[in-house]
Amino acid sequence: MDKELRSGYTTGTCACVAAFVALNLLIEKDLGEKVEITTLNGVTLDIPIHSKKEESIGLEVLF
């Protein structure tokens, strides 16, 4: 049973971006204006970072 891969902003894509952003902030303490990822089926997505703000318990990033 071969299923065709979904593309675009899937749950997995959003989880990947969230993990990338978290690691980038821990390591580099900086965040650009967008995150570029390539999905499993070869589609490159440029996901814009709309805002970020520090809170007492962490950091909130909206993409």
Protein backbone atom coordinates (compact mmCIF):
# COMPACT_ATOMS: atom_id res chain seq x y z
CA MET A 1 0.00 0.00 0.00
CA ASP A 2 1.92 3.04 -1.28
CA LYS A 3 0.55 6.39 -0.19
CA GLU A 4 1.47 9.62 -1.91
CA LEU A 5 3.34 12.00 0.40
CA ARG A 6 1.46 15.13 1.37
CA SER A 7 3.17 18.43 0.78
CA GLY A 8 3.01 21.94 2.17
CA TYR A 9 2.35 23.01 5.73
CA THR A 10 1.63 19.64 7.32
CA THR A 11 1.84 18.77 11.01
CA GLY A 12 5.28 17.28 10.42
CA THR A 13 6.45 20.44 8.64
CA CYS A 14 5.34 22.63 11.53
CA ALA A 15 7.00 20.31 14.06
CA CYS A 16 10.23 20.40 12.07
CA VAL A 17 10.19 24.20 11.93
CA ALA A 18 9.46 24.45 15.66
CA ALA A 19 12.38 22.14 16.50
CA PHE A 20 14.71 24.02 14.14
CA VAL A 21 13.75 27.39 15.64
CA ALA A 22 14.20 26.10 19.21
CA LEU A 23 17.66 24.70 18.49
CA ASN A 24 18.69 27.78 16.54
CA LEU A 25 17.71 30.03 19.45
CA LEU A 26 19.56 27.83 21.96
CA ILE A 27 22.76 27.67 19.90
CA GLU A 28 22.91 31.01 18.10
CA LYS A 29 20.54 33.19 20.17
CA ASP A 30 19.28 34.65 16.90
CA LEU A 31 16.41 34.09 14.54
CA GLY A 32 16.18 35.30 10.99
CA GLU A 33 13.10 36.44 9.15
CA LYS A 34 12.32 33.03 7.67
CA VAL A 35 13.06 29.33 7.95
CA GLU A 36 13.80 27.35 4.81
CA ILE A 37 13.19 23.59 4.88
CA THR A 38 12.97 20.89 2.25
CA THR A 39 10.15 18.40 2.70
CA LEU A 40 10.52 14.65 2.18
CA ASN A 41 9.16 14.90 -1.36
CA GLY A 42 11.71 17.56 -2.33
CA VAL A 43 9.59 20.71 -2.05
CA THR A 44 11.46 23.68 -0.53
CA LEU A 45 9.35 25.88 1.74
CA ASP A 46 10.25 29.36 2.97
CA ILE A 47 8.31 29.80 6.20
CA PRO A 48 8.24 33.39 7.45
CA ILE A 49 8.77 34.19 11.13
CA HIS A 50 6.06 36.72 11.99
CA SER A 51 7.07 37.62 15.52
CA LYS A 52 8.93 36.54 18.61
CA LYS A 53 8.76 37.65 22.21
CA GLU A 54 10.44 36.64 25.43
CA GLU A 55 8.30 35.62 28.35
CA SER A 56 9.18 34.74 31.93
CA ILE A 57 8.89 31.02 31.16
CA GLY A 58 10.39 30.99 27.69
CA LEU A 59 10.09 32.40 24.23
CA GLU A 60 7.08 32.56 21.95
CA VAL A 61 7.69 32.43 18.19
CA LEU A 62 4.89 32.75 15.65
CA PHE A 63 5.38 31.39 12.16
